[in-house]
C-alpha atoms as a PDB file:
ATOM      1  CA  UNK A   1      -0.031   0.025  -0.018  1.00  0.00           C
ATOM      2  CA  UNK A   2       1.256   3.426  -0.963  1.00  0.00           C
ATOM      3  CA  UNK A   3      -0.184   6.560   0.527  1.00  0.00           C
ATOM      4  CA  UNK A   4       0.288   9.810  -1.416  1.00  0.00           C
ATOM      5  CA  UNK A   5      -0.641  13.377   0.001  1.00  0.00           C
ATOM      6  CA  UNK A   6      -0.466  16.458  -2.196  1.00  0.00           C
ATOM      7  CA  UNK A   7      -0.036  19.946  -0.955  1.00  0.00           C
ATOM      8  CA  UNK A   8       0.648  23.446  -2.411  1.00  0.00           C
ATOM      9  CA  UNK A   9      -2.332  24.218  -4.291  1.00  0.00           C
ATOM     10  CA  UNK A  10      -4.162  27.520  -4.090  1.00  0.00           C
ATOM     11  CA  UNK A  11      -5.674  30.505  -5.741  1.00  0.00           C
ATOM     12  CA  UNK A  12      -3.280  32.701  -7.863  1.00  0.00           C
ATOM     13  CA  UNK A  13      -3.333  35.103 -10.721  1.00  0.00           C
ATOM     14  CA  UNK A  14      -2.526  34.399 -14.263  1.00  0.00           C
ATOM     15  CA  UNK A  15       1.315  34.622 -14.713  1.00  0.00           C
ATOM     16  CA  UNK A  16       1.933  33.609 -11.023  1.00  0.00           C
ATOM     17  CA  UNK A  17       3.882  30.465  -9.976  1.00  0.00           C
ATOM     18  CA  UNK A  18       3.117  27.745  -7.639  1.00  0.00           C
ATOM     19  CA  UNK A  19       5.029  24.630  -6.381  1.00  0.00           C
ATOM     20  CA  UNK A  20       2.992  21.466  -5.683  1.00  0.00           C
ATOM     21  CA  UNK A  21       4.353  18.678  -3.461  1.00  0.00           C
ATOM     22  CA  UNK A  22       3.396  15.046  -3.056  1.00  0.00           C
ATOM     23  CA  UNK A  23       4.735  13.102  -0.035  1.00  0.00           C
ATOM     24  CA  UNK A  24       4.695   9.301  -0.137  1.00  0.00           C
ATOM     25  CA  UNK A  25       4.687   6.645   2.352  1.00  0.00           C
ATOM     26  CA  UNK A  26       4.818   2.971   1.604  1.00  0.00           C
ATOM     27  CA  UNK A  27       4.803  -0.269   3.225  1.00  0.00           C
ATOM     28  CA  UNK A  28       6.701  -3.054   1.551  1.00  0.00           C
ATOM     29  CA  UNK A  29       7.507  -0.688  -1.369  1.00  0.00           C
ATOM     30  CA  UNK A  30       9.924   2.223  -1.833  1.00  0.00           C
ATOM     31  CA  UNK A  31       9.192   5.571  -3.342  1.00  0.00           C
ATOM     32  CA  UNK A  32      12.627   5.670  -4.802  1.00  0.00           C
ATOM     33  CA  UNK A  33      11.893   2.737  -6.913  1.00  0.00           C
ATOM     34  CA  UNK A  34       8.639   4.004  -8.338  1.00  0.00           C
ATOM     35  CA  UNK A  35       7.993   6.081 -11.406  1.00  0.00           C
ATOM     36  CA  UNK A  36       5.627   8.883 -10.612  1.00  0.00           C
ATOM     37  CA  UNK A  37       3.363  11.385 -12.422  1.00  0.00           C
ATOM     38  CA  UNK A  38       1.032  14.463 -12.122  1.00  0.00           C
ATOM     39  CA  UNK A  39      -2.455  14.428 -13.542  1.00  0.00           C
ATOM     40  CA  UNK A  40      -5.134  16.983 -13.337  1.00  0.00           C
ATOM     41  CA  UNK A  41      -8.865  17.194 -13.778  1.00  0.00           C
ATOM     42  CA  UNK A  42     -11.032  20.226 -14.485  1.00  0.00           C
ATOM     43  CA  UNK A  43     -14.709  20.523 -13.870  1.00  0.00           C
ATOM     44  CA  UNK A  44     -16.574  18.390 -16.257  1.00  0.00           C
ATOM     45  CA  UNK A  45     -13.473  17.018 -17.967  1.00  0.00           C
ATOM     46  CA  UNK A  46     -11.638  13.858 -17.858  1.00  0.00           C
ATOM     47  CA  UNK A  47      -8.517  13.379 -15.766  1.00  0.00           C
ATOM     48  CA  UNK A  48      -5.491  14.232 -17.937  1.00  0.00           C
ATOM     49  CA  UNK A  49      -1.681  13.603 -17.943  1.00  0.00           C
ATOM     50  CA  UNK A  50       0.498  16.530 -17.025  1.00  0.00           C
ATOM     51  CA  UNK A  51       4.043  15.150 -16.396  1.00  0.00           C
ATOM     52  CA  UNK A  52       6.066  11.995 -15.681  1.00  0.00           C
ATOM     53  CA  UNK A  53       9.277  11.225 -14.020  1.00  0.00           C
ATOM     54  CA  UNK A  54      11.038   7.933 -13.782  1.00  0.00           C
ATOM     55  CA  UNK A  55      12.401   6.505 -10.519  1.00  0.00           C
ATOM     56  CA  UNK A  56      15.938   7.846 -10.867  1.00  0.00           C
ATOM     57  CA  UNK A  57      14.877  11.119 -12.437  1.00  0.00           C
ATOM     58  CA  UNK A  58      16.754  10.491 -15.602  1.00  0.00           C
ATOM     59  CA  UNK A  59      13.760  10.857 -17.728  1.00  0.00           C
ATOM     60  CA  UNK A  60      10.794  13.410 -17.704  1.00  0.00           C
ATOM     61  CA  UNK A  61       7.848  13.854 -20.174  1.00  0.00           C
ATOM     62  CA  UNK A  62       5.320  16.548 -20.280  1.00  0.00           C
ATOM     63  CA  UNK A  63       2.052  17.233 -21.904  1.00  0.00           C
ATOM     64  CA  UNK A  64       2.362  19.832 -24.649  1.00  0.00           C
ATOM     65  CA  UNK A  65       0.031  22.184 -22.917  1.00  0.00           C
ATOM     66  CA  UNK A  66       2.495  22.680 -19.953  1.00  0.00           C
ATOM     67  CA  UNK A  67       5.842  22.047 -21.671  1.00  0.00           C
ATOM     68  CA  UNK A  68       8.213  24.901 -20.889  1.00  0.00           C
ATOM     69  CA  UNK A  69       6.127  26.124 -18.049  1.00  0.00           C
ATOM     70  CA  UNK A  70       6.042  23.259 -15.553  1.00  0.00           C
ATOM     71  CA  UNK A  71       8.813  21.149 -14.136  1.00  0.00           C
ATOM     72  CA  UNK A  72       8.509  17.820 -12.445  1.00  0.00           C
ATOM     73  CA  UNK A  73      11.238  16.729  -9.973  1.00  0.00           C
ATOM     74  CA  UNK A  74      11.730  14.460  -7.046  1.00  0.00           C
ATOM     75  CA  UNK A  75      13.648  14.032  -3.865  1.00  0.00           C
ATOM     76  CA  UNK A  76      13.983  10.370  -3.109  1.00  0.00           C
ATOM     77  CA  UNK A  77      15.593  10.977   0.247  1.00  0.00           C
ATOM     78  CA  UNK A  78      12.516  12.834   1.286  1.00  0.00           C
ATOM     79  CA  UNK A  79      10.058  10.583  -0.544  1.00  0.00           C
ATOM     80  CA  UNK A  80       8.620  13.602  -2.111  1.00  0.00           C
ATOM     81  CA  UNK A  81       7.547  14.503  -5.700  1.00  0.00           C
ATOM     82  CA  UNK A  82       7.390  18.155  -6.893  1.00  0.00           C
ATOM     83  CA  UNK A  83       5.892  20.236  -9.747  1.00  0.00           C
ATOM     84  CA  UNK A  84       7.005  23.755 -10.311  1.00  0.00           C
ATOM     85  CA  UNK A  85       4.422  25.574 -12.174  1.00  0.00           C
ATOM     86  CA  UNK A  86       5.155  29.006 -13.671  1.00  0.00           C
ATOM     87  CA  UNK A  87       3.347  31.344 -16.001  1.00  0.00           C
ATOM     88  CA  UNK A  88       0.042  29.931 -14.908  1.00  0.00           C
ATOM     89  CA  UNK A  89      -2.896  30.277 -17.146  1.00  0.00           C
ATOM     90  CA  UNK A  90      -6.702  30.135 -16.266  1.00  0.00           C
ATOM     91  CA  UNK A  91      -6.857  26.974 -18.223  1.00  0.00           C
ATOM     92  CA  UNK A  92      -4.485  25.353 -15.728  1.00  0.00           C
ATOM     93  CA  UNK A  93      -7.301  25.598 -13.236  1.00  0.00           C
ATOM     94  CA  UNK A  94      -7.932  21.946 -11.951  1.00  0.00           C
ATOM     95  CA  UNK A  95      -7.409  19.454  -9.173  1.00  0.00           C
ATOM     96  CA  UNK A  96      -3.863  18.229  -9.386  1.00  0.00           C
ATOM     97  CA  UNK A  97      -3.227  14.629  -8.493  1.00  0.00           C
ATOM     98  CA  UNK A  98       0.194  12.676  -8.100  1.00  0.00           C
ATOM     99  CA  UNK A  99       0.159   9.035  -8.889  1.00  0.00           C
ATOM    100  CA  UNK A 100       2.463   6.089  -8.639  1.00  0.00           C
ATOM    101  CA  UNK A 101       3.087   4.204 -11.867  1.00  0.00           C
ATOM    102  CA  UNK A 102       2.122   0.471 -11.997  1.00  0.00           C
ATOM    103  CA  UNK A 103       1.922  -0.838 -15.638  1.00  0.00           C
ATOM    104  CA  UNK A 104       1.097   0.351 -19.191  1.00  0.00           C
ATOM    105  CA  UNK A 105       1.178   3.712 -20.974  1.00  0.00           C
ATOM    106  CA  UNK A 106       2.384   6.262 -18.612  1.00  0.00           C
ATOM    107  CA  UNK A 107      -0.046   8.741 -20.310  1.00  0.00           C
ATOM    108  CA  UNK A 108      -3.193   7.003 -19.156  1.00  0.00           C
ATOM    109  CA  UNK A 109      -4.616   7.135 -15.566  1.00  0.00           C
ATOM    110  CA  UNK A 110      -5.129   3.378 -15.835  1.00  0.00           C
ATOM    111  CA  UNK A 111      -1.412   2.818 -15.602  1.00  0.00           C
ATOM    112  CA  UNK A 112      -1.375   4.046 -12.050  1.00  0.00           C
ATOM    113  CA  UNK A 113      -2.195   2.122  -9.018  1.00  0.00           C
ATOM    114  CA  UNK A 114      -1.965   4.623  -6.323  1.00  0.00           C
ATOM    115  CA  UNK A 115      -3.310   8.300  -6.232  1.00  0.00           C
ATOM    116  CA  UNK A 116      -3.347  11.145  -3.647  1.00  0.00           C
ATOM    117  CA  UNK A 117      -6.572  12.943  -2.928  1.00  0.00           C
ATOM    118  CA  UNK A 118      -5.682  15.990  -5.079  1.00  0.00           C
ATOM    119  CA  UNK A 119      -4.968  19.547  -4.471  1.00  0.00           C
ATOM    120  CA  UNK A 120      -6.959  22.457  -6.044  1.00  0.00           C
ATOM    121  CA  UNK A 121      -5.182  24.993  -8.215  1.00  0.00           C
ATOM    122  CA  UNK A 122      -7.161  27.974  -9.320  1.00  0.00           C
ATOM    123  CA  UNK A 123      -5.871  30.567 -11.659  1.00  0.00           C
ATOM    124  CA  UNK A 124      -7.790  33.860 -12.091  1.00  0.00           C
ATOM    125  CA  UNK A 125      -7.487  36.024 -15.050  1.00  0.00           C
END
């Protein structure tokens, strides 16, 4: 069982920055050996992929909509996943979730076995 807890969301203005964090705890499984990702879900929309990072942080992938503005990173010593978000836009408004990869295409929610409860990010224009 892996427990994920997100934090760092809030209400900001367009152009502002935020840093999201996701702290992991696991029994019988280590955060440092698990690929991780951020997804987001806006009201009335499906959950969508935002960013992915492999277990050793040697590989990252981003959705086109956030490329160049968001940066995913991790600190395995602290069991924590991060996402730095800059130049935020109103269309970035959503609940952001961190997820632990299990199997399949990393772009799809179905590939992730464990999810956090989400943190709300609201960007006003």
